[in-house]
Amino acid sequence: MLDTIAKAVQVLSIVAGVVISVLSFNDTRNKEAEARVAQAEAARLEAAKPFLELRQKLYMEALAAAGVLSSPELHDAKELADARKRFRQLYVAELSMVECPNVEVSMRNLAEAIDEEVTNFSPAQSAAFQLSHALRDSFVLSWEVEQACK
């Protein structure tokens, strides 16, 4: 009887050791997979960094121009002309390349409120606007920056 109990304890010890080893192996594998995912995300963000920095810079320029144009009584004619020119440059091409769709809508709304002429494009401006959006779509795909707009 004692021999049977001893053998049962040995078998249970071996089974427990195998179970613990399998659980430990799976836990290590899961942690390694999580680390790889985190590493891939960090690499993706690093690759997108130039795009995101450009976006931030142009957003700040658009905001500065919008601030001047939305308060014309606080600025002289030269400041207004410079801001209108920069706003249009951003609206037609530069900002269109990096902006999120909700920013595009807001820029259009502001342009219409400030000066309807800003939204009326010449054929060349229309082509530049389309090119800018095509470049943005390419960036979004290659750098996976779509989620940065959410």
N, C-alpha and C. Protein backbone atom coordinates (compact mmCIF):
# COMPACT_ATOMS: atom_id res chain seq x y z
N MET A 1 0.81 -1.19 0.00
CA MET A 1 0.00 0.00 0.00
C MET A 1 0.86 1.26 0.00
N LEU A 2 1.87 1.26 0.84
CA LEU A 2 2.78 2.39 0.91
C LEU A 2 3.49 2.57 -0.43
N ASP A 3 3.81 1.46 -1.04
CA ASP A 3 4.48 1.50 -2.34
C ASP A 3 3.57 2.13 -3.38
N THR A 4 2.28 1.83 -3.36
CA THR A 4 1.31 2.38 -4.29
C THR A 4 1.18 3.89 -4.09
N ILE A 5 1.13 4.31 -2.85
CA ILE A 5 1.02 5.74 -2.55
C ILE A 5 2.27 6.47 -3.02
N ALA A 6 3.41 5.88 -2.80
CA ALA A 6 4.67 6.49 -3.22
C ALA A 6 4.72 6.65 -4.74
N LYS A 7 4.27 5.60 -5.46
CA LYS A 7 4.25 5.67 -6.92
C LYS A 7 3.26 6.73 -7.41
N ALA A 8 2.10 6.83 -6.74
CA ALA A 8 1.09 7.83 -7.11
C ALA A 8 1.64 9.24 -6.89
N VAL A 9 2.34 9.43 -5.78
CA VAL A 9 2.95 10.74 -5.49
C VAL A 9 3.99 11.07 -6.55
N GLN A 10 4.77 10.06 -6.96
CA GLN A 10 5.78 10.29 -7.99
C GLN A 10 5.13 10.69 -9.32
N VAL A 11 4.07 9.99 -9.68
CA VAL A 11 3.36 10.29 -10.93
C VAL A 11 2.77 11.70 -10.86
N LEU A 12 2.12 12.02 -9.74
CA LEU A 12 1.54 13.35 -9.57
C LEU A 12 2.62 14.44 -9.62
N SER A 13 3.77 14.17 -9.04
CA SER A 13 4.87 15.13 -9.07
C SER A 13 5.34 15.36 -10.50
N ILE A 14 5.45 14.29 -11.26
CA ILE A 14 5.88 14.41 -12.66
C ILE A 14 4.85 15.17 -13.48
N VAL A 15 3.57 14.83 -13.29
CA VAL A 15 2.48 15.52 -14.01
C VAL A 15 2.48 17.01 -13.64
N ALA A 16 2.60 17.32 -12.35
CA ALA A 16 2.63 18.72 -11.91
C ALA A 16 3.83 19.45 -12.52
N GLY A 17 4.97 18.80 -12.58
CA GLY A 17 6.16 19.39 -13.18
C GLY A 17 5.97 19.69 -14.65
N VAL A 18 5.34 18.74 -15.36
CA VAL A 18 5.07 18.94 -16.79
C VAL A 18 4.09 20.09 -16.98
N VAL A 19 3.02 20.12 -16.18
CA VAL A 19 2.01 21.19 -16.30
C VAL A 19 2.65 22.55 -16.03
N ILE A 20 3.46 22.64 -14.97
CA ILE A 20 4.12 23.89 -14.63
C ILE A 20 5.07 24.30 -15.75
N SER A 21 5.79 23.36 -16.32
CA SER A 21 6.70 23.66 -17.43
C SER A 21 5.95 24.19 -18.65
N VAL A 22 4.83 23.55 -18.99
CA VAL A 22 4.03 23.99 -20.14
C VAL A 22 3.48 25.39 -19.89
N LEU A 23 2.94 25.63 -18.69
CA LEU A 23 2.40 26.95 -18.37
C LEU A 23 3.49 28.01 -18.42
N SER A 24 4.64 27.70 -17.90
CA SER A 24 5.77 28.64 -17.91
C SER A 24 6.21 28.93 -19.34
N PHE A 25 6.28 27.89 -20.18
CA PHE A 25 6.66 28.05 -21.57
C PHE A 25 5.66 28.95 -22.30
N ASN A 26 4.36 28.70 -22.09
CA ASN A 26 3.32 29.51 -22.74
C ASN A 26 3.37 30.96 -22.27
N ASP A 27 3.60 31.16 -20.98
CA ASP A 27 3.68 32.52 -20.45
C ASP A 27 4.86 33.27 -21.08
N THR A 28 5.99 32.61 -21.18
CA THR A 28 7.18 33.22 -21.79
C THR A 28 6.91 33.55 -23.26
N ARG A 29 6.28 32.63 -23.96
CA ARG A 29 5.94 32.85 -25.37
C ARG A 29 5.00 34.04 -25.53
N ASN A 30 4.00 34.14 -24.66
CA ASN A 30 3.05 35.27 -24.72
C ASN A 30 3.77 36.59 -24.45
N LYS A 31 4.65 36.61 -23.48
CA LYS A 31 5.38 37.84 -23.16
C LYS A 31 6.28 38.25 -24.32
N GLU A 32 6.91 37.29 -24.97
CA GLU A 32 7.75 37.59 -26.13
C GLU A 32 6.91 38.14 -27.28
N ALA A 33 5.73 37.58 -27.47
CA ALA A 33 4.84 38.07 -28.54
C ALA A 33 4.39 39.50 -28.23
N GLU A 34 4.06 39.79 -27.00
CA GLU A 34 3.66 41.15 -26.61
C GLU A 34 4.81 42.12 -26.81
N ALA A 35 6.02 41.69 -26.49
CA ALA A 35 7.19 42.55 -26.68
C ALA A 35 7.42 42.84 -28.16
N ARG A 36 7.21 41.84 -29.02
CA ARG A 36 7.37 42.04 -30.47
C ARG A 36 6.33 43.02 -31.00
N VAL A 37 5.10 42.91 -30.49
CA VAL A 37 4.04 43.84 -30.92
C VAL A 37 4.39 45.26 -30.49
N ALA A 38 4.85 45.41 -29.25
CA ALA A 38 5.23 46.74 -28.75
C ALA A 38 6.40 47.30 -29.56
N GLN A 39 7.34 46.46 -29.91
CA GLN A 39 8.50 46.88 -30.70
C GLN A 39 8.06 47.32 -32.10
N ALA A 40 7.16 46.57 -32.69
CA ALA A 40 6.66 46.92 -34.03
C ALA A 40 5.92 48.25 -34.00
N GLU A 41 5.13 48.48 -32.96
CA GLU A 41 4.40 49.75 -32.83
C GLU A 41 5.38 50.91 -32.66
N ALA A 42 6.41 50.71 -31.85
CA ALA A 42 7.42 51.76 -31.66
C ALA A 42 8.13 52.06 -32.98
N ALA A 43 8.44 51.04 -33.74
CA ALA A 43 9.10 51.23 -35.04
C ALA A 43 8.17 51.96 -36.02
N ARG A 44 6.89 51.62 -36.00
CA ARG A 44 5.92 52.28 -36.87
C ARG A 44 5.82 53.77 -36.52
N LEU A 45 5.76 54.07 -35.23
CA LEU A 45 5.68 55.47 -34.81
C LEU A 45 6.95 56.23 -35.17
N GLU A 46 8.08 55.59 -35.03
CA GLU A 46 9.35 56.24 -35.39
C GLU A 46 9.40 56.52 -36.89
N ALA A 47 8.92 55.59 -37.69
CA ALA A 47 8.90 55.79 -39.15
C ALA A 47 7.96 56.93 -39.53
N ALA A 48 6.86 57.08 -38.81
CA ALA A 48 5.87 58.12 -39.11
C ALA A 48 6.25 59.47 -38.52
N LYS A 49 7.27 59.52 -37.71
CA LYS A 49 7.63 60.74 -36.99
C LYS A 49 7.82 61.95 -37.91
N PRO A 50 8.55 61.85 -39.03
CA PRO A 50 8.70 63.03 -39.90
C PRO A 50 7.35 63.55 -40.41
N PHE A 51 6.48 62.63 -40.78
CA PHE A 51 5.15 63.01 -41.25
C PHE A 51 4.38 63.72 -40.15
N LEU A 52 4.39 63.17 -38.96
CA LEU A 52 3.64 63.75 -37.85
C LEU A 52 4.22 65.09 -37.41
N GLU A 53 5.53 65.23 -37.48
CA GLU A 53 6.15 66.52 -37.14
C GLU A 53 5.79 67.58 -38.18
N LEU A 54 5.79 67.20 -39.45
CA LEU A 54 5.39 68.14 -40.50
C LEU A 54 3.93 68.54 -40.32
N ARG A 55 3.09 67.57 -40.01
CA ARG A 55 1.67 67.84 -39.76
C ARG A 55 1.53 68.86 -38.63
N GLN A 56 2.23 68.64 -37.56
CA GLN A 56 2.13 69.55 -36.41
C GLN A 56 2.60 70.96 -36.79
N LYS A 57 3.71 71.05 -37.52
CA LYS A 57 4.24 72.36 -37.94
C LYS A 57 3.23 73.10 -38.80
N LEU A 58 2.67 72.40 -39.78
CA LEU A 58 1.71 73.04 -40.68
C LEU A 58 0.40 73.37 -39.97
N TYR A 59 -0.01 72.55 -39.04
CA TYR A 59 -1.20 72.87 -38.24
C TYR A 59 -0.98 74.17 -37.48
N MET A 60 0.20 74.35 -36.92
CA MET A 60 0.50 75.57 -36.17
C MET A 60 0.50 76.78 -37.11
N GLU A 61 1.03 76.64 -38.31
CA GLU A 61 1.00 77.73 -39.27
C GLU A 61 -0.43 78.07 -39.68
N ALA A 62 -1.24 77.04 -39.89
CA ALA A 62 -2.64 77.28 -40.26
C ALA A 62 -3.36 77.98 -39.12
N LEU A 63 -3.07 77.57 -37.92
CA LEU A 63 -3.71 78.19 -36.76
C LEU A 63 -3.29 79.66 -36.62
N ALA A 64 -2.02 79.96 -36.86
CA ALA A 64 -1.55 81.35 -36.79
C ALA A 64 -2.25 82.20 -37.84
N ALA A 65 -2.34 81.70 -39.07
CA ALA A 65 -3.01 82.45 -40.14
C ALA A 65 -4.49 82.61 -39.82
N ALA A 66 -5.10 81.57 -39.31
CA ALA A 66 -6.53 81.64 -38.95
C ALA A 66 -6.76 82.66 -37.85
N GLY A 67 -5.84 82.72 -36.91
CA GLY A 67 -5.97 83.70 -35.83
C GLY A 67 -5.97 85.13 -36.35
N VAL A 68 -5.11 85.41 -37.31
CA VAL A 68 -5.05 86.75 -37.89
C VAL A 68 -6.32 87.02 -38.71
N LEU A 69 -6.70 86.06 -39.55
CA LEU A 69 -7.83 86.26 -40.45
C LEU A 69 -9.17 86.32 -39.73
N SER A 70 -9.26 85.66 -38.60
CA SER A 70 -10.53 85.66 -37.87
C SER A 70 -10.70 86.89 -36.99
N SER A 71 -9.65 87.68 -36.85
CA SER A 71 -9.72 88.93 -36.06
C SER A 71 -9.10 90.07 -36.87
N PRO A 72 -9.68 90.42 -38.00
CA PRO A 72 -9.05 91.41 -38.88
C PRO A 72 -8.91 92.79 -38.23
N GLU A 73 -9.79 93.09 -37.30
CA GLU A 73 -9.73 94.41 -36.66
C GLU A 73 -8.47 94.60 -35.81
N LEU A 74 -7.79 93.52 -35.50
CA LEU A 74 -6.58 93.59 -34.67
C LEU A 74 -5.29 93.66 -35.49
N HIS A 75 -5.42 93.62 -36.82
CA HIS A 75 -4.24 93.52 -37.66
C HIS A 75 -4.27 94.55 -38.79
N ASP A 76 -3.08 94.93 -39.24
CA ASP A 76 -3.01 95.89 -40.34
C ASP A 76 -3.16 95.16 -41.68
N ALA A 77 -3.21 95.93 -42.75
CA ALA A 77 -3.47 95.38 -44.08
C ALA A 77 -2.38 94.40 -44.51
N LYS A 78 -1.12 94.69 -44.20
CA LYS A 78 -0.03 93.79 -44.58
C LYS A 78 -0.15 92.46 -43.84
N GLU A 79 -0.42 92.50 -42.56
CA GLU A 79 -0.58 91.26 -41.79
C GLU A 79 -1.73 90.42 -42.34
N LEU A 80 -2.81 91.09 -42.68
CA LEU A 80 -3.96 90.37 -43.25
C LEU A 80 -3.63 89.77 -44.61
N ALA A 81 -2.94 90.53 -45.43
CA ALA A 81 -2.56 90.02 -46.77
C ALA A 81 -1.62 88.84 -46.64
N ASP A 82 -0.63 88.95 -45.75
CA ASP A 82 0.31 87.85 -45.53
C ASP A 82 -0.40 86.60 -45.00
N ALA A 83 -1.31 86.81 -44.05
CA ALA A 83 -2.04 85.67 -43.47
C ALA A 83 -2.95 85.03 -44.51
N ARG A 84 -3.60 85.85 -45.32
CA ARG A 84 -4.49 85.32 -46.37
C ARG A 84 -3.67 84.51 -47.38
N LYS A 85 -2.52 85.03 -47.76
CA LYS A 85 -1.65 84.32 -48.70
C LYS A 85 -1.19 82.99 -48.12
N ARG A 86 -0.73 83.01 -46.87
CA ARG A 86 -0.23 81.77 -46.24
C ARG A 86 -1.36 80.77 -46.04
N PHE A 87 -2.52 81.26 -45.63
CA PHE A 87 -3.67 80.38 -45.44
C PHE A 87 -4.02 79.68 -46.75
N ARG A 88 -4.03 80.44 -47.83
CA ARG A 88 -4.36 79.85 -49.13
C ARG A 88 -3.31 78.84 -49.56
N GLN A 89 -2.02 79.14 -49.34
CA GLN A 89 -0.96 78.18 -49.67
C GLN A 89 -1.16 76.89 -48.89
N LEU A 90 -1.44 77.03 -47.63
CA LEU A 90 -1.66 75.84 -46.79
C LEU A 90 -2.90 75.08 -47.26
N TYR A 91 -3.96 75.82 -47.52
CA TYR A 91 -5.24 75.21 -47.89
C TYR A 91 -5.14 74.46 -49.22
N VAL A 92 -4.49 75.07 -50.20
CA VAL A 92 -4.44 74.48 -51.54
C VAL A 92 -3.49 73.29 -51.61
N ALA A 93 -2.35 73.37 -50.93
CA ALA A 93 -1.35 72.33 -51.16
C ALA A 93 -0.75 71.76 -49.88
N GLU A 94 0.04 72.54 -49.19
CA GLU A 94 0.87 71.97 -48.13
C GLU A 94 0.08 71.23 -47.05
N LEU A 95 -0.89 71.89 -46.49
CA LEU A 95 -1.65 71.26 -45.41
C LEU A 95 -2.49 70.10 -45.92
N SER A 96 -2.96 70.22 -47.15
CA SER A 96 -3.76 69.14 -47.73
C SER A 96 -3.00 67.83 -47.80
N MET A 97 -1.68 67.92 -47.80
CA MET A 97 -0.84 66.72 -47.89
C MET A 97 -0.81 65.94 -46.58
N VAL A 98 -1.03 66.62 -45.46
CA VAL A 98 -0.85 65.95 -44.17
C VAL A 98 -2.08 65.99 -43.26
N GLU A 99 -3.08 66.77 -43.63
CA GLU A 99 -4.19 66.98 -42.70
C GLU A 99 -5.12 65.78 -42.60
N CYS A 100 -5.72 65.68 -41.44
CA CYS A 100 -6.77 64.68 -41.21
C CYS A 100 -8.05 65.18 -41.88
N PRO A 101 -8.94 64.28 -42.22
CA PRO A 101 -10.19 64.70 -42.88
C PRO A 101 -10.99 65.74 -42.09
N ASN A 102 -11.02 65.62 -40.75
CA ASN A 102 -11.78 66.60 -39.98
C ASN A 102 -11.12 67.98 -40.01
N VAL A 103 -9.81 68.02 -40.13
CA VAL A 103 -9.10 69.30 -40.26
C VAL A 103 -9.40 69.90 -41.64
N GLU A 104 -9.46 69.07 -42.65
CA GLU A 104 -9.79 69.54 -43.99
C GLU A 104 -11.16 70.23 -44.01
N VAL A 105 -12.13 69.61 -43.36
CA VAL A 105 -13.47 70.20 -43.29
C VAL A 105 -13.43 71.53 -42.55
N SER A 106 -12.70 71.57 -41.45
CA SER A 106 -12.60 72.81 -40.66
C SER A 106 -11.89 73.91 -41.44
N MET A 107 -10.85 73.56 -42.19
CA MET A 107 -10.16 74.55 -43.02
C MET A 107 -11.12 75.11 -44.07
N ARG A 108 -11.89 74.23 -44.70
CA ARG A 108 -12.84 74.68 -45.72
C ARG A 108 -13.89 75.61 -45.09
N ASN A 109 -14.40 75.23 -43.93
CA ASN A 109 -15.40 76.07 -43.25
C ASN A 109 -14.83 77.45 -42.94
N LEU A 110 -13.61 77.49 -42.43
CA LEU A 110 -12.98 78.77 -42.13
C LEU A 110 -12.73 79.57 -43.40
N ALA A 111 -12.26 78.89 -44.44
CA ALA A 111 -12.01 79.58 -45.72
C ALA A 111 -13.28 80.21 -46.25
N GLU A 112 -14.38 79.49 -46.17
CA GLU A 112 -15.66 80.03 -46.65
C GLU A 112 -16.13 81.20 -45.79
N ALA A 113 -15.85 81.14 -44.50
CA ALA A 113 -16.26 82.23 -43.60
C ALA A 113 -15.39 83.47 -43.79
N ILE A 114 -14.13 83.27 -44.09
CA ILE A 114 -13.20 84.39 -44.23
C ILE A 114 -13.29 85.00 -45.63
N ASP A 115 -13.22 84.13 -46.64
CA ASP A 115 -13.17 84.62 -48.02
C ASP A 115 -13.53 83.47 -48.95
N GLU A 116 -14.70 83.53 -49.52
CA GLU A 116 -15.17 82.47 -50.43
C GLU A 116 -14.18 82.24 -51.58
N GLU A 117 -13.44 83.27 -51.95
CA GLU A 117 -12.50 83.17 -53.06
C GLU A 117 -11.43 82.10 -52.80
N VAL A 118 -11.11 81.88 -51.53
CA VAL A 118 -10.08 80.90 -51.17
C VAL A 118 -10.47 79.50 -51.65
N THR A 119 -11.76 79.21 -51.67
CA THR A 119 -12.21 77.88 -52.05
C THR A 119 -12.44 77.73 -53.56
N ASN A 120 -12.32 78.83 -54.30
CA ASN A 120 -12.46 78.77 -55.76
C ASN A 120 -11.07 78.59 -56.36
N PHE A 121 -10.81 77.42 -56.89
CA PHE A 121 -9.48 77.09 -57.38
C PHE A 121 -9.36 77.33 -58.88
N SER A 122 -8.18 77.77 -59.29
CA SER A 122 -7.83 77.78 -60.71
C SER A 122 -7.54 76.32 -61.09
N PRO A 123 -7.45 76.01 -62.36
CA PRO A 123 -7.11 74.63 -62.74
C PRO A 123 -5.79 74.15 -62.13
N ALA A 124 -4.80 75.03 -62.08
CA ALA A 124 -3.51 74.65 -61.49
C ALA A 124 -3.65 74.40 -59.99
N GLN A 125 -4.41 75.24 -59.31
CA GLN A 125 -4.62 75.04 -57.87
C GLN A 125 -5.39 73.75 -57.60
N SER A 126 -6.36 73.49 -58.44
CA SER A 126 -7.12 72.24 -58.30
C SER A 126 -6.21 71.03 -58.48
N ALA A 127 -5.32 71.10 -59.45
CA ALA A 127 -4.38 70.00 -59.67
C ALA A 127 -3.44 69.85 -58.47
N ALA A 128 -2.97 70.97 -57.93
CA ALA A 128 -2.10 70.93 -56.74
C ALA A 128 -2.85 70.34 -55.54
N PHE A 129 -4.10 70.72 -55.39
CA PHE A 129 -4.94 70.21 -54.30
C PHE A 129 -5.09 68.69 -54.43
N GLN A 130 -5.36 68.22 -55.64
CA GLN A 130 -5.51 66.78 -55.88
C GLN A 130 -4.20 66.03 -55.66
N LEU A 131 -3.10 66.60 -56.11
CA LEU A 131 -1.79 65.99 -55.89
C LEU A 131 -1.50 65.89 -54.40
N SER A 132 -1.78 66.95 -53.70
CA SER A 132 -1.53 66.98 -52.26
C SER A 132 -2.32 65.88 -51.54
N HIS A 133 -3.56 65.68 -51.93
CA HIS A 133 -4.37 64.62 -51.32
C HIS A 133 -3.87 63.23 -51.72
N ALA A 134 -3.41 63.08 -52.94
CA ALA A 134 -2.85 61.79 -53.36
C ALA A 134 -1.59 61.47 -52.56
N LEU A 135 -0.77 62.48 -52.32
CA LEU A 135 0.43 62.28 -51.50
C LEU A 135 0.03 61.89 -50.07
N ARG A 136 -0.98 62.57 -49.54
CA ARG A 136 -1.45 62.24 -48.19
C ARG A 136 -1.92 60.79 -48.13
N ASP A 137 -2.67 60.36 -49.12
CA ASP A 137 -3.15 58.98 -49.14
C ASP A 137 -1.99 58.00 -49.18
N SER A 138 -0.95 58.35 -49.93
CA SER A 138 0.23 57.50 -50.00
C SER A 138 0.93 57.43 -48.63
N PHE A 139 1.07 58.57 -47.97
CA PHE A 139 1.68 58.60 -46.64
C PHE A 139 0.87 57.76 -45.66
N VAL A 140 -0.43 57.92 -45.70
CA VAL A 140 -1.30 57.20 -44.78
C VAL A 140 -1.11 55.70 -44.94
N LEU A 141 -1.01 55.25 -46.18
CA LEU A 141 -0.81 53.82 -46.43
C LEU A 141 0.57 53.35 -46.03
N SER A 142 1.60 54.08 -46.46
CA SER A 142 2.96 53.59 -46.23
C SER A 142 3.40 53.75 -44.79
N TRP A 143 2.95 54.80 -44.11
CA TRP A 143 3.38 55.02 -42.73
C TRP A 143 2.31 54.65 -41.72
N GLU A 144 1.19 54.18 -42.20
CA GLU A 144 0.09 53.77 -41.32
C GLU A 144 -0.23 54.84 -40.27
N VAL A 145 -0.49 56.05 -40.74
CA VAL A 145 -0.75 57.16 -39.82
C VAL A 145 -2.24 57.51 -39.73
N GLU A 146 -3.09 56.71 -40.32
CA GLU A 146 -4.52 56.99 -40.30
C GLU A 146 -5.05 57.12 -38.87
N GLN A 147 -4.61 56.21 -37.99
CA GLN A 147 -5.11 56.26 -36.63
C GLN A 147 -4.69 57.52 -35.89
N ALA A 148 -3.70 58.22 -36.39
CA ALA A 148 -3.28 59.48 -35.76
C ALA A 148 -4.34 60.56 -35.91
N CYS A 149 -5.32 60.35 -36.75
CA CYS A 149 -6.40 61.31 -36.94
C CYS A 149 -7.57 61.07 -35.99
N LYS A 150 -7.55 60.00 -35.29
CA LYS A 150 -8.71 59.67 -34.45
C LYS A 150 -8.56 60.24 -33.07
